Amino acid sequence: MMDRRTVLKGTAALAAAAPLAVGTAQGMTARRLIVFDSRLPESASFAAGVAGQRFDLARAHETQWAELRGDLPEVGGVEGLIGWSDWTAVRGELESRGFRRTSEARIAAPLSGKANLFRWSMMKR
């Protein structure tokens, strides 16, 4: 029997998955770059569950972002789960390279000790 609560829960689950499903479907036809921070458990777990080339922000912080400013692999899309300050830096660099944001969501991150992480995707214009 369907009640209002069941319908609302199902709708919320579909709405939450929609941006991720679109990114996944588009990623099947083009190579993806996965941006994550191995120092954050939620981010490392996200990267382990998604197919694509990896870009670890822990290493980027050590090299003062040289890898991000250098030659990135040819990809059609980029996805990530990282903190806000890293997201703003990565987004700016990727926008300057012709990518546009296709989704962005705030995710609770209790294991990382951060209030939130940001789950996002970008596609080449």
PDB file of N, CA and C in Angstrom:
ATOM      1  N   MET A   1       0.842  -1.180   0.000  1.00  0.00           N
ATOM      2  CA  MET A   1       0.000   0.000   0.000  1.00  0.00           C
ATOM      3  C   MET A   1       0.891   1.248   0.000  1.00  0.00           C
ATOM      4  N   MET A   2       0.607   2.172  -0.877  1.00  0.00           N
ATOM      5  CA  MET A   2       1.375   3.409  -0.977  1.00  0.00           C
ATOM      6  C   MET A   2       0.728   4.476  -0.113  1.00  0.00           C
ATOM      7  N   ASP A   3       1.516   5.043   0.766  1.00  0.00           N
ATOM      8  CA  ASP A   3       1.031   6.166   1.544  1.00  0.00           C
ATOM      9  C   ASP A   3       1.871   7.389   1.201  1.00  0.00           C
ATOM     10  N   ARG A   4       1.508   8.497   1.735  1.00  0.00           N
ATOM     11  CA  ARG A   4       2.183   9.758   1.421  1.00  0.00           C
ATOM     12  C   ARG A   4       3.661   9.698   1.790  1.00  0.00           C
ATOM     13  N   ARG A   5       3.967   9.114   2.924  1.00  0.00           N
ATOM     14  CA  ARG A   5       5.351   9.031   3.390  1.00  0.00           C
ATOM     15  C   ARG A   5       6.215   8.222   2.412  1.00  0.00           C
ATOM     16  N   THR A   6       5.708   7.107   1.923  1.00  0.00           N
ATOM     17  CA  THR A   6       6.440   6.276   0.977  1.00  0.00           C
ATOM     18  C   THR A   6       6.696   7.030  -0.321  1.00  0.00           C
ATOM     19  N   VAL A   7       5.705   7.726  -0.815  1.00  0.00           N
ATOM     20  CA  VAL A   7       5.855   8.500  -2.042  1.00  0.00           C
ATOM     21  C   VAL A   7       6.893   9.605  -1.866  1.00  0.00           C
ATOM     22  N   LEU A   8       6.827  10.321  -0.750  1.00  0.00           N
ATOM     23  CA  LEU A   8       7.790  11.398  -0.498  1.00  0.00           C
ATOM     24  C   LEU A   8       9.210  10.859  -0.370  1.00  0.00           C
ATOM     25  N   LYS A   9       9.384   9.743   0.313  1.00  0.00           N
ATOM     26  CA  LYS A   9      10.716   9.156   0.455  1.00  0.00           C
ATOM     27  C   LYS A   9      11.266   8.722  -0.898  1.00  0.00           C
ATOM     28  N   GLY A  10      10.427   8.122  -1.726  1.00  0.00           N
ATOM     29  CA  GLY A  10      10.858   7.702  -3.053  1.00  0.00           C
ATOM     30  C   GLY A  10      11.216   8.875  -3.941  1.00  0.00           C
ATOM     31  N   THR A  11      10.437   9.938  -3.865  1.00  0.00           N
ATOM     32  CA  THR A  11      10.704  11.136  -4.650  1.00  0.00           C
ATOM     33  C   THR A  11      12.009  11.786  -4.219  1.00  0.00           C
ATOM     34  N   ALA A  12      12.245  11.855  -2.910  1.00  0.00           N
ATOM     35  CA  ALA A  12      13.489  12.446  -2.398  1.00  0.00           C
ATOM     36  C   ALA A  12      14.698  11.638  -2.848  1.00  0.00           C
ATOM     37  N   ALA A  13      14.588  10.324  -2.829  1.00  0.00           N
ATOM     38  CA  ALA A  13      15.700   9.476  -3.259  1.00  0.00           C
ATOM     39  C   ALA A  13      15.995   9.672  -4.746  1.00  0.00           C
ATOM     40  N   LEU A  14      14.958   9.754  -5.568  1.00  0.00           N
ATOM     41  CA  LEU A  14      15.157   9.979  -6.999  1.00  0.00           C
ATOM     42  C   LEU A  14      15.765  11.345  -7.270  1.00  0.00           C
ATOM     43  N   ALA A  15      15.310  12.359  -6.558  1.00  0.00           N
ATOM     44  CA  ALA A  15      15.843  13.709  -6.747  1.00  0.00           C
ATOM     45  C   ALA A  15      17.311  13.774  -6.356  1.00  0.00           C
ATOM     46  N   ALA A  16      17.678  13.099  -5.303  1.00  0.00           N
ATOM     47  CA  ALA A  16      19.079  13.112  -4.864  1.00  0.00           C
ATOM     48  C   ALA A  16      19.977  12.376  -5.847  1.00  0.00           C
ATOM     49  N   ALA A  17      19.477  11.328  -6.462  1.00  0.00           N
ATOM     50  CA  ALA A  17      20.284  10.527  -7.380  1.00  0.00           C
ATOM     51  C   ALA A  17      20.350  11.116  -8.782  1.00  0.00           C
ATOM     52  N   ALA A  18      19.415  11.963  -9.160  1.00  0.00           N
ATOM     53  CA  ALA A  18      19.334  12.468 -10.534  1.00  0.00           C
ATOM     54  C   ALA A  18      20.617  13.123 -11.029  1.00  0.00           C
ATOM     55  N   PRO A  19      21.214  14.092 -10.303  1.00  0.00           N
ATOM     56  CA  PRO A  19      22.436  14.692 -10.829  1.00  0.00           C
ATOM     57  C   PRO A  19      23.569  13.684 -10.963  1.00  0.00           C
ATOM     58  N   LEU A  20      23.627  12.714 -10.055  1.00  0.00           N
ATOM     59  CA  LEU A  20      24.679  11.720 -10.116  1.00  0.00           C
ATOM     60  C   LEU A  20      24.454  10.779 -11.288  1.00  0.00           C
ATOM     61  N   ALA A  21      23.215  10.412 -11.558  1.00  0.00           N
ATOM     62  CA  ALA A  21      22.922   9.516 -12.668  1.00  0.00           C
ATOM     63  C   ALA A  21      23.260  10.185 -13.999  1.00  0.00           C
ATOM     64  N   VAL A  22      22.964  11.463 -14.135  1.00  0.00           N
ATOM     65  CA  VAL A  22      23.286  12.190 -15.363  1.00  0.00           C
ATOM     66  C   VAL A  22      24.788  12.212 -15.571  1.00  0.00           C
ATOM     67  N   GLY A  23      25.539  12.530 -14.526  1.00  0.00           N
ATOM     68  CA  GLY A  23      26.992  12.541 -14.632  1.00  0.00           C
ATOM     69  C   GLY A  23      27.542  11.182 -14.995  1.00  0.00           C
ATOM     70  N   THR A  24      26.979  10.123 -14.434  1.00  0.00           N
ATOM     71  CA  THR A  24      27.432   8.778 -14.723  1.00  0.00           C
ATOM     72  C   THR A  24      27.114   8.393 -16.155  1.00  0.00           C
ATOM     73  N   ALA A  25      25.929   8.707 -16.638  1.00  0.00           N
ATOM     74  CA  ALA A  25      25.551   8.369 -18.002  1.00  0.00           C
ATOM     75  C   ALA A  25      26.426   9.104 -19.005  1.00  0.00           C
ATOM     76  N   GLN A  26      26.687  10.370 -18.770  1.00  0.00           N
ATOM     77  CA  GLN A  26      27.524  11.137 -19.685  1.00  0.00           C
ATOM     78  C   GLN A  26      28.959  10.642 -19.625  1.00  0.00           C
ATOM     79  N   GLY A  27      29.384  10.199 -18.449  1.00  0.00           N
ATOM     80  CA  GLY A  27      30.753   9.744 -18.273  1.00  0.00           C
ATOM     81  C   GLY A  27      31.050   8.452 -19.014  1.00  0.00           C
ATOM     82  N   MET A  28      30.018   7.678 -19.355  1.00  0.00           N
ATOM     83  CA  MET A  28      30.242   6.428 -20.057  1.00  0.00           C
ATOM     84  C   MET A  28      30.739   6.668 -21.474  1.00  0.00           C
ATOM     85  N   THR A  29      30.383   7.790 -22.056  1.00  0.00           N
ATOM     86  CA  THR A  29      30.784   8.063 -23.424  1.00  0.00           C
ATOM     87  C   THR A  29      32.074   8.865 -23.501  1.00  0.00           C
ATOM     88  N   ALA A  30      32.502   9.455 -22.412  1.00  0.00           N
ATOM     89  CA  ALA A  30      33.726  10.244 -22.398  1.00  0.00           C
ATOM     90  C   ALA A  30      34.527   9.888 -21.150  1.00  0.00           C
ATOM     91  N   ARG A  31      35.818  10.003 -21.231  1.00  0.00           N
ATOM     92  CA  ARG A  31      36.656   9.723 -20.066  1.00  0.00           C
ATOM     93  C   ARG A  31      36.422  10.769 -18.992  1.00  0.00           C
ATOM     94  N   ARG A  32      36.521  10.337 -17.744  1.00  0.00           N
ATOM     95  CA  ARG A  32      36.285  11.239 -16.612  1.00  0.00           C
ATOM     96  C   ARG A  32      37.527  11.369 -15.756  1.00  0.00           C
ATOM     97  N   LEU A  33      37.636  12.510 -15.137  1.00  0.00           N
ATOM     98  CA  LEU A  33      38.653  12.762 -14.126  1.00  0.00           C
ATOM     99  C   LEU A  33      37.926  12.819 -12.790  1.00  0.00           C
ATOM    100  N   ILE A  34      38.401  12.065 -11.808  1.00  0.00           N
ATOM    101  CA  ILE A  34      37.795  12.023 -10.487  1.00  0.00           C
ATOM    102  C   ILE A  34      38.692  12.791  -9.534  1.00  0.00           C
ATOM    103  N   VAL A  35      38.160  13.877  -8.963  1.00  0.00           N
ATOM    104  CA  VAL A  35      38.908  14.715  -8.029  1.00  0.00           C
ATOM    105  C   VAL A  35      38.480  14.351  -6.615  1.00  0.00           C
ATOM    106  N   PHE A  36      39.456  14.013  -5.775  1.00  0.00           N
ATOM    107  CA  PHE A  36      39.157  13.615  -4.410  1.00  0.00           C
ATOM    108  C   PHE A  36      40.313  14.018  -3.504  1.00  0.00           C
ATOM    109  N   ASP A  37      40.105  13.903  -2.210  1.00  0.00           N
ATOM    110  CA  ASP A  37      41.143  14.199  -1.229  1.00  0.00           C
ATOM    111  C   ASP A  37      41.310  12.960  -0.357  1.00  0.00           C
ATOM    112  N   SER A  38      42.409  12.258  -0.514  1.00  0.00           N
ATOM    113  CA  SER A  38      42.624  11.000   0.204  1.00  0.00           C
ATOM    114  C   SER A  38      42.718  11.197   1.713  1.00  0.00           C
ATOM    115  N   ARG A  39      42.855  12.421   2.181  1.00  0.00           N
ATOM    116  CA  ARG A  39      42.902  12.695   3.625  1.00  0.00           C
ATOM    117  C   ARG A  39      41.513  12.702   4.247  1.00  0.00           C
ATOM    118  N   LEU A  40      40.467  12.736   3.426  1.00  0.00           N
ATOM    119  CA  LEU A  40      39.086  12.763   3.906  1.00  0.00           C
ATOM    120  C   LEU A  40      38.421  11.417   3.615  1.00  0.00           C
ATOM    121  N   PRO A  41      37.976  10.689   4.648  1.00  0.00           N
ATOM    122  CA  PRO A  41      37.408   9.347   4.428  1.00  0.00           C
ATOM    123  C   PRO A  41      36.255   9.305   3.429  1.00  0.00           C
ATOM    124  N   GLU A  42      35.343  10.256   3.497  1.00  0.00           N
ATOM    125  CA  GLU A  42      34.203  10.259   2.570  1.00  0.00           C
ATOM    126  C   GLU A  42      34.667  10.468   1.132  1.00  0.00           C
ATOM    127  N   SER A  43      35.644  11.330   0.952  1.00  0.00           N
ATOM    128  CA  SER A  43      36.158  11.623  -0.375  1.00  0.00           C
ATOM    129  C   SER A  43      36.913  10.422  -0.946  1.00  0.00           C
ATOM    130  N   ALA A  44      37.730   9.781  -0.133  1.00  0.00           N
ATOM    131  CA  ALA A  44      38.468   8.594  -0.584  1.00  0.00           C
ATOM    132  C   ALA A  44      37.507   7.468  -0.938  1.00  0.00           C
ATOM    133  N   SER A  45      36.465   7.295  -0.159  1.00  0.00           N
ATOM    134  CA  SER A  45      35.466   6.266  -0.427  1.00  0.00           C
ATOM    135  C   SER A  45      34.727   6.554  -1.736  1.00  0.00           C
ATOM    136  N   PHE A  46      34.381   7.806  -1.955  1.00  0.00           N
ATOM    137  CA  PHE A  46      33.733   8.222  -3.203  1.00  0.00           C
ATOM    138  C   PHE A  46      34.608   7.849  -4.402  1.00  0.00           C
ATOM    139  N   ALA A  47      35.889   8.189  -4.341  1.00  0.00           N
ATOM    140  CA  ALA A  47      36.795   7.936  -5.462  1.00  0.00           C
ATOM    141  C   ALA A  47      36.958   6.450  -5.731  1.00  0.00           C
ATOM    142  N   ALA A  48      36.938   5.651  -4.679  1.00  0.00           N
ATOM    143  CA  ALA A  48      37.088   4.208  -4.843  1.00  0.00           C
ATOM    144  C   ALA A  48      35.888   3.596  -5.567  1.00  0.00           C
ATOM    145  N   GLY A  49      34.739   4.244  -5.494  1.00  0.00           N
ATOM    146  CA  GLY A  49      33.532   3.697  -6.098  1.00  0.00           C
ATOM    147  C   GLY A  49      33.176   4.255  -7.460  1.00  0.00           C
ATOM    148  N   VAL A  50      34.025   5.094  -8.042  1.00  0.00           N
ATOM    149  CA  VAL A  50      33.716   5.736  -9.321  1.00  0.00           C
ATOM    150  C   VAL A  50      34.847   5.451 -10.308  1.00  0.00           C
ATOM    151  N   ALA A  51      34.491   5.104 -11.531  1.00  0.00           N
ATOM    152  CA  ALA A  51      35.495   4.817 -12.556  1.00  0.00           C
ATOM    153  C   ALA A  51      36.009   6.119 -13.173  1.00  0.00           C
ATOM    154  N   GLY A  52      37.292   6.162 -13.443  1.00  0.00           N
ATOM    155  CA  GLY A  52      37.895   7.314 -14.096  1.00  0.00           C
ATOM    156  C   GLY A  52      39.326   7.515 -13.628  1.00  0.00           C
ATOM    157  N   GLN A  53      40.013   8.445 -14.259  1.00  0.00           N
ATOM    158  CA  GLN A  53      41.362   8.790 -13.835  1.00  0.00           C
ATOM    159  C   GLN A  53      41.280   9.567 -12.533  1.00  0.00           C
ATOM    160  N   ARG A  54      42.227   9.379 -11.652  1.00  0.00           N
ATOM    161  CA  ARG A  54      42.202   9.982 -10.318  1.00  0.00           C
ATOM    162  C   ARG A  54      43.087  11.214 -10.228  1.00  0.00           C
ATOM    163  N   PHE A  55      42.604  12.202  -9.477  1.00  0.00           N
ATOM    164  CA  PHE A  55      43.392  13.403  -9.147  1.00  0.00           C
ATOM    165  C   PHE A  55      43.236  13.620  -7.649  1.00  0.00           C
ATOM    166  N   ASP A  56      44.274  13.311  -6.882  1.00  0.00           N
ATOM    167  CA  ASP A  56      44.244  13.392  -5.427  1.00  0.00           C
ATOM    168  C   ASP A  56      44.703  14.776  -4.968  1.00  0.00           C
ATOM    169  N   LEU A  57      43.807  15.497  -4.313  1.00  0.00           N
ATOM    170  CA  LEU A  57      44.145  16.844  -3.847  1.00  0.00           C
ATOM    171  C   LEU A  57      45.172  16.844  -2.726  1.00  0.00           C
ATOM    172  N   ALA A  58      45.338  15.741  -2.006  1.00  0.00           N
ATOM    173  CA  ALA A  58      46.376  15.680  -0.973  1.00  0.00           C
ATOM    174  C   ALA A  58      47.740  15.906  -1.625  1.00  0.00           C
ATOM    175  N   ARG A  59      47.944  15.310  -2.782  1.00  0.00           N
ATOM    176  CA  ARG A  59      49.196  15.504  -3.519  1.00  0.00           C
ATOM    177  C   ARG A  59      49.271  16.922  -4.089  1.00  0.00           C
ATOM    178  N   ALA A  60      48.147  17.456  -4.522  1.00  0.00           N
ATOM    179  CA  ALA A  60      48.123  18.813  -5.086  1.00  0.00           C
ATOM    180  C   ALA A  60      48.541  19.843  -4.046  1.00  0.00           C
ATOM    181  N   HIS A  61      48.147  19.648  -2.804  1.00  0.00           N
ATOM    182  CA  HIS A  61      48.543  20.583  -1.749  1.00  0.00           C
ATOM    183  C   HIS A  61      50.052  20.532  -1.513  1.00  0.00           C
ATOM    184  N   GLU A  62      50.637  19.352  -1.650  1.00  0.00           N
ATOM    185  CA  GLU A  62      52.083  19.210  -1.467  1.00  0.00           C
ATOM    186  C   GLU A  62      52.866  19.906  -2.577  1.00  0.00           C
ATOM    187  N   THR A  63      52.330  19.898  -3.799  1.00  0.00           N
ATOM    188  CA  THR A  63      53.023  20.493  -4.946  1.00  0.00           C
ATOM    189  C   THR A  63      52.524  21.898  -5.269  1.00  0.00           C
ATOM    190  N   GLN A  64      51.761  22.472  -4.366  1.00  0.00           N
ATOM    191  CA  GLN A  64      51.199  23.817  -4.549  1.00  0.00           C
ATOM    192  C   GLN A  64      50.400  23.921  -5.844  1.00  0.00           C
ATOM    193  N   TRP A  65      49.598  22.918  -6.122  1.00  0.00           N
ATOM    194  CA  TRP A  65      48.653  22.878  -7.243  1.00  0.00           C
ATOM    195  C   TRP A  65      49.322  22.833  -8.616  1.00  0.00           C
ATOM    196  N   ALA A  66      50.598  22.495  -8.692  1.00  0.00           N
ATOM    197  CA  ALA A  66      51.301  22.470  -9.978  1.00  0.00           C
ATOM    198  C   ALA A  66      50.648  21.494 -10.957  1.00  0.00           C
ATOM    199  N   GLU A  67      50.224  20.334 -10.471  1.00  0.00           N
ATOM    200  CA  GLU A  67      49.608  19.333 -11.346  1.00  0.00           C
ATOM    201  C   GLU A  67      48.292  19.833 -11.934  1.00  0.00           C
ATOM    202  N   LEU A  68      47.508  20.530 -11.133  1.00  0.00           N
ATOM    203  CA  LEU A  68      46.233  21.062 -11.626  1.00  0.00           C
ATOM    204  C   LEU A  68      46.455  22.166 -12.654  1.00  0.00           C
ATOM    205  N   ARG A  69      47.485  22.974 -12.461  1.00  0.00           N
ATOM    206  CA  ARG A  69      47.783  24.051 -13.409  1.00  0.00           C
ATOM    207  C   ARG A  69      48.482  23.537 -14.661  1.00  0.00           C
ATOM    208  N   GLY A  70      49.033  22.315 -14.593  1.00  0.00           N
ATOM    209  CA  GLY A  70      49.750  21.735 -15.724  1.00  0.00           C
ATOM    210  C   GLY A  70      48.805  21.060 -16.704  1.00  0.00           C
ATOM    211  N   ASP A  71      49.350  20.130 -17.448  1.00  0.00           N
ATOM    212  CA  ASP A  71      48.561  19.396 -18.443  1.00  0.00           C
ATOM    213  C   ASP A  71      47.715  18.336 -17.761  1.00  0.00           C
ATOM    214  N   LEU A  72      46.417  18.487 -17.867  1.00  0.00           N
ATOM    215  CA  LEU A  72      45.494  17.479 -17.361  1.00  0.00           C
ATOM    216  C   LEU A  72      45.193  16.493 -18.477  1.00  0.00           C
ATOM    217  N   PRO A  73      44.803  15.274 -18.124  1.00  0.00           N
ATOM    218  CA  PRO A  73      44.426  14.324 -19.179  1.00  0.00           C
ATOM    219  C   PRO A  73      43.205  14.822 -19.945  1.00  0.00           C
ATOM    220  N   GLU A  74      43.080  14.405 -21.196  1.00  0.00           N
ATOM    221  CA  GLU A  74      41.907  14.768 -22.004  1.00  0.00           C
ATOM    222  C   GLU A  74      40.691  14.024 -21.465  1.00  0.00           C
ATOM    223  N   VAL A  75      39.752  14.764 -20.950  1.00  0.00           N
ATOM    224  CA  VAL A  75      38.534  14.170 -20.399  1.00  0.00           C
ATOM    225  C   VAL A  75      37.335  14.983 -20.845  1.00  0.00           C
ATOM    226  N   GLY A  76      36.188  14.332 -20.880  1.00  0.00           N
ATOM    227  CA  GLY A  76      34.951  15.024 -21.211  1.00  0.00           C
ATOM    228  C   GLY A  76      34.242  15.537 -19.979  1.00  0.00           C
ATOM    229  N   GLY A  77      34.543  14.927 -18.815  1.00  0.00           N
ATOM    230  CA  GLY A  77      33.873  15.316 -17.588  1.00  0.00           C
ATOM    231  C   GLY A  77      34.773  15.165 -16.385  1.00  0.00           C
ATOM    232  N   VAL A  78      34.431  15.914 -15.347  1.00  0.00           N
ATOM    233  CA  VAL A  78      35.172  15.871 -14.092  1.00  0.00           C
ATOM    234  C   VAL A  78      34.148  15.771 -12.972  1.00  0.00           C
ATOM    235  N   GLU A  79      34.410  14.899 -12.003  1.00  0.00           N
ATOM    236  CA  GLU A  79      33.537  14.752 -10.849  1.00  0.00           C
ATOM    237  C   GLU A  79      34.385  14.784  -9.593  1.00  0.00           C
ATOM    238  N   GLY A  80      33.788  15.250  -8.490  1.00  0.00           N
ATOM    239  CA  GLY A  80      34.550  15.272  -7.260  1.00  0.00           C
ATOM    240  C   GLY A  80      33.690  15.325  -6.018  1.00  0.00           C
ATOM    241  N   LEU A  81      34.347  15.035  -4.910  1.00  0.00           N
ATOM    242  CA  LEU A  81      33.772  15.182  -3.577  1.00  0.00           C
ATOM    243  C   LEU A  81      34.894  15.710  -2.707  1.00  0.00           C
ATOM    244  N   ILE A  82      34.862  17.034  -2.455  1.00  0.00           N
ATOM    245  CA  ILE A  82      35.951  17.696  -1.749  1.00  0.00           C
ATOM    246  C   ILE A  82      35.396  18.830  -0.889  1.00  0.00           C
ATOM    247  N   GLY A  83      36.268  19.431  -0.087  1.00  0.00           N
ATOM    248  CA  GLY A  83      35.872  20.555   0.756  1.00  0.00           C
ATOM    249  C   GLY A  83      35.632  21.825  -0.046  1.00  0.00           C
ATOM    250  N   TRP A  84      34.962  22.782   0.593  1.00  0.00           N
ATOM    251  CA  TRP A  84      34.563  24.019  -0.090  1.00  0.00           C
ATOM    252  C   TRP A  84      35.748  24.810  -0.638  1.00  0.00           C
ATOM    253  N   SER A  85      36.784  25.049   0.149  1.00  0.00           N
ATOM    254  CA  SER A  85      37.898  25.875  -0.333  1.00  0.00           C
ATOM    255  C   SER A  85      38.605  25.201  -1.505  1.00  0.00           C
ATOM    256  N   ASP A  86      38.766  23.891  -1.456  1.00  0.00           N
ATOM    257  CA  ASP A  86      39.363  23.182  -2.591  1.00  0.00           C
ATOM    258  C   ASP A  86      38.446  23.240  -3.808  1.00  0.00           C
ATOM    259  N   TRP A  87      37.146  23.117  -3.578  1.00  0.00           N
ATOM    260  CA  TRP A  87      36.181  23.171  -4.674  1.00  0.00           C
ATOM    261  C   TRP A  87      36.252  24.507  -5.389  1.00  0.00           C
ATOM    262  N   THR A  88      36.382  25.607  -4.658  1.00  0.00           N
ATOM    263  CA  THR A  88      36.445  26.912  -5.323  1.00  0.00           C
ATOM    264  C   THR A  88      37.713  27.034  -6.168  1.00  0.00           C
ATOM    265  N   ALA A  89      38.833  26.511  -5.677  1.00  0.00           N
ATOM    266  CA  ALA A  89      40.083  26.571  -6.447  1.00  0.00           C
ATOM    267  C   ALA A  89      40.007  25.691  -7.692  1.00  0.00           C
ATOM    268  N   VAL A  90      39.530  24.467  -7.525  1.00  0.00           N
ATOM    269  CA  VAL A  90      39.424  23.529  -8.653  1.00  0.00           C
ATOM    270  C   VAL A  90      38.429  24.053  -9.678  1.00  0.00           C
ATOM    271  N   ARG A  91      37.285  24.539  -9.215  1.00  0.00           N
ATOM    272  CA  ARG A  91      36.262  25.046 -10.132  1.00  0.00           C
ATOM    273  C   ARG A  91      36.813  26.197 -10.972  1.00  0.00           C
ATOM    274  N   GLY A  92      37.514  27.124 -10.358  1.00  0.00           N
ATOM    275  CA  GLY A  92      38.074  28.253 -11.102  1.00  0.00           C
ATOM    276  C   GLY A  92      39.051  27.812 -12.181  1.00  0.00           C
ATOM    277  N   GLU A  93      39.916  26.878 -11.842  1.00  0.00           N
ATOM    278  CA  GLU A  93      40.891  26.385 -12.819  1.00  0.00           C
ATOM    279  C   GLU A  93      40.197  25.635 -13.955  1.00  0.00           C
ATOM    280  N   LEU A  94      39.235  24.796 -13.619  1.00  0.00           N
ATOM    281  CA  LEU A  94      38.540  24.042 -14.662  1.00  0.00           C
ATOM    282  C   LEU A  94      37.675  24.940 -15.543  1.00  0.00           C
ATOM    283  N   GLU A  95      37.054  25.961 -14.967  1.00  0.00           N
ATOM    284  CA  GLU A  95      36.285  26.906 -15.782  1.00  0.00           C
ATOM    285  C   GLU A  95      37.193  27.623 -16.771  1.00  0.00           C
ATOM    286  N   SER A  96      38.414  27.951 -16.357  1.00  0.00           N
ATOM    287  CA  SER A  96      39.340  28.626 -17.270  1.00  0.00           C
ATOM    288  C   SER A  96      39.781  27.698 -18.402  1.00  0.00           C
ATOM    289  N   ARG A  97      39.577  26.404 -18.229  1.00  0.00           N
ATOM    290  CA  ARG A  97      39.919  25.418 -19.257  1.00  0.00           C
ATOM    291  C   ARG A  97      38.712  24.994 -20.087  1.00  0.00           C
ATOM    292  N   GLY A  98      37.586  25.670 -19.903  1.00  0.00           N
ATOM    293  CA  GLY A  98      36.420  25.407 -20.742  1.00  0.00           C
ATOM    294  C   GLY A  98      35.405  24.436 -20.178  1.00  0.00           C
ATOM    295  N   PHE A  99      35.482  24.124 -18.887  1.00  0.00           N
ATOM    296  CA  PHE A  99      34.487  23.255 -18.268  1.00  0.00           C
ATOM    297  C   PHE A  99      33.392  24.113 -17.656  1.00  0.00           C
ATOM    298  N   ARG A 100      32.184  23.534 -17.581  1.00  0.00           N
ATOM    299  CA  ARG A 100      31.081  24.230 -16.916  1.00  0.00           C
ATOM    300  C   ARG A 100      30.477  23.294 -15.879  1.00  0.00           C
ATOM    301  N   ARG A 101      29.998  23.873 -14.817  1.00  0.00           N
ATOM    302  CA  ARG A 101      29.404  23.096 -13.728  1.00  0.00           C
ATOM    303  C   ARG A 101      28.063  22.531 -14.177  1.00  0.00           C
ATOM    304  N   THR A 102      27.850  21.237 -13.944  1.00  0.00           N
ATOM    305  CA  THR A 102      26.583  20.612 -14.289  1.00  0.00           C
ATOM    306  C   THR A 102      25.791  20.204 -13.048  1.00  0.00           C
ATOM    307  N   SER A 103      26.466  20.013 -11.924  1.00  0.00           N
ATOM    308  CA  SER A 103      25.756  19.732 -10.678  1.00  0.00           C
ATOM    309  C   SER A 103      26.642  20.059  -9.485  1.00  0.00           C
ATOM    310  N   GLU A 104      25.984  20.350  -8.375  1.00  0.00           N
ATOM    311  CA  GLU A 104      26.691  20.648  -7.133  1.00  0.00           C
ATOM    312  C   GLU A 104      25.741  20.363  -5.978  1.00  0.00           C
ATOM    313  N   ALA A 105      26.218  19.616  -4.987  1.00  0.00           N
ATOM    314  CA  ALA A 105      25.393  19.290  -3.824  1.00  0.00           C
ATOM    315  C   ALA A 105      26.260  19.287  -2.578  1.00  0.00           C
ATOM    316  N   ARG A 106      25.708  19.771  -1.503  1.00  0.00           N
ATOM    317  CA  ARG A 106      26.389  19.765  -0.211  1.00  0.00           C
ATOM    318  C   ARG A 106      26.093  18.432   0.474  1.00  0.00           C
ATOM    319  N   ILE A 107      27.160  17.766   0.954  1.00  0.00           N
ATOM    320  CA  ILE A 107      27.040  16.444   1.569  1.00  0.00           C
ATOM    321  C   ILE A 107      27.602  16.512   2.990  1.00  0.00           C
ATOM    322  N   ALA A 108      26.876  15.967   3.963  1.00  0.00           N
ATOM    323  CA  ALA A 108      27.372  15.908   5.341  1.00  0.00           C
ATOM    324  C   ALA A 108      28.623  15.032   5.388  1.00  0.00           C
ATOM    325  N   ALA A 109      29.586  15.418   6.218  1.00  0.00           N
ATOM    326  CA  ALA A 109      30.860  14.695   6.289  1.00  0.00           C
ATOM    327  C   ALA A 109      31.286  14.460   7.735  1.00  0.00           C
ATOM    328  N   PRO A 110      30.553  13.645   8.475  1.00  0.00           N
ATOM    329  CA  PRO A 110      30.874  13.458   9.896  1.00  0.00           C
ATOM    330  C   PRO A 110      32.227  12.796  10.147  1.00  0.00           C
ATOM    331  N   LEU A 111      32.704  11.925   9.255  1.00  0.00           N
ATOM    332  CA  LEU A 111      33.973  11.238   9.461  1.00  0.00           C
ATOM    333  C   LEU A 111      35.170  12.151   9.261  1.00  0.00           C
ATOM    334  N   SER A 112      35.023  13.160   8.427  1.00  0.00           N
ATOM    335  CA  SER A 112      36.123  14.063   8.092  1.00  0.00           C
ATOM    336  C   SER A 112      36.320  15.176   9.110  1.00  0.00           C
ATOM    337  N   GLY A 113      35.345  15.373   9.978  1.00  0.00           N
ATOM    338  CA  GLY A 113      35.436  16.487  10.915  1.00  0.00           C
ATOM    339  C   GLY A 113      35.083  17.813  10.258  1.00  0.00           C
ATOM    340  N   LYS A 114      34.536  17.761   9.067  1.00  0.00           N
ATOM    341  CA  LYS A 114      34.095  18.967   8.362  1.00  0.00           C
ATOM    342  C   LYS A 114      32.573  19.007   8.406  1.00  0.00           C
ATOM    343  N   ALA A 115      32.027  20.200   8.365  1.00  0.00           N
ATOM    344  CA  ALA A 115      30.568  20.314   8.349  1.00  0.00           C
ATOM    345  C   ALA A 115      30.007  19.696   7.080  1.00  0.00           C
ATOM    346  N   ASN A 116      30.633  20.002   5.941  1.00  0.00           N
ATOM    347  CA  ASN A 116      30.137  19.526   4.649  1.00  0.00           C
ATOM    348  C   ASN A 116      31.288  19.312   3.681  1.00  0.00           C
ATOM    349  N   LEU A 117      31.032  18.450   2.717  1.00  0.00           N
ATOM    350  CA  LEU A 117      31.862  18.336   1.529  1.00  0.00           C
ATOM    351  C   LEU A 117      30.954  18.671   0.358  1.00  0.00           C
ATOM    352  N   PHE A 118      31.545  18.905  -0.801  1.00  0.00           N
ATOM    353  CA  PHE A 118      30.749  19.252  -1.972  1.00  0.00           C
ATOM    354  C   PHE A 118      30.942  18.194  -3.053  1.00  0.00           C
ATOM    355  N   ARG A 119      29.820  17.600  -3.463  1.00  0.00           N
ATOM    356  CA  ARG A 119      29.784  16.616  -4.542  1.00  0.00           C
ATOM    357  C   ARG A 119      29.386  17.382  -5.794  1.00  0.00           C
ATOM    358  N   TRP A 120      30.207  17.344  -6.823  1.00  0.00           N
ATOM    359  CA  TRP A 120      29.979  18.178  -7.995  1.00  0.00           C
ATOM    360  C   TRP A 120      30.405  17.440  -9.261  1.00  0.00           C
ATOM    361  N   SER A 121      29.969  17.977 -10.386  1.00  0.00           N
ATOM    362  CA  SER A 121      30.425  17.486 -11.689  1.00  0.00           C
ATOM    363  C   SER A 121      30.512  18.661 -12.652  1.00  0.00           C
ATOM    364  N   MET A 122      31.412  18.531 -13.617  1.00  0.00           N
ATOM    365  CA  MET A 122      31.607  19.537 -14.653  1.00  0.00           C
ATOM    366  C   MET A 122      31.796  18.812 -15.984  1.00  0.00           C
ATOM    367  N   MET A 123      31.365  19.457 -17.054  1.00  0.00           N
ATOM    368  CA  MET A 123      31.520  18.902 -18.392  1.00  0.00           C
ATOM    369  C   MET A 123      32.219  19.937 -19.280  1.00  0.00           C
ATOM    370  N   LYS A 124      32.886  19.449 -20.294  1.00  0.00           N
ATOM    371  CA  LYS A 124      33.554  20.333 -21.249  1.00  0.00           C
ATOM    372  C   LYS A 124      32.496  21.072 -22.055  1.00  0.00           C
ATOM    373  N   ARG A 125      32.689  22.356 -22.271  1.00  0.00           N
ATOM    374  CA  ARG A 125      31.728  23.165 -23.046  1.00  0.00           C
ATOM    375  C   ARG A 125      31.761  22.796 -24.496  1.00  0.00           C
TER     376      ARG A 125
END
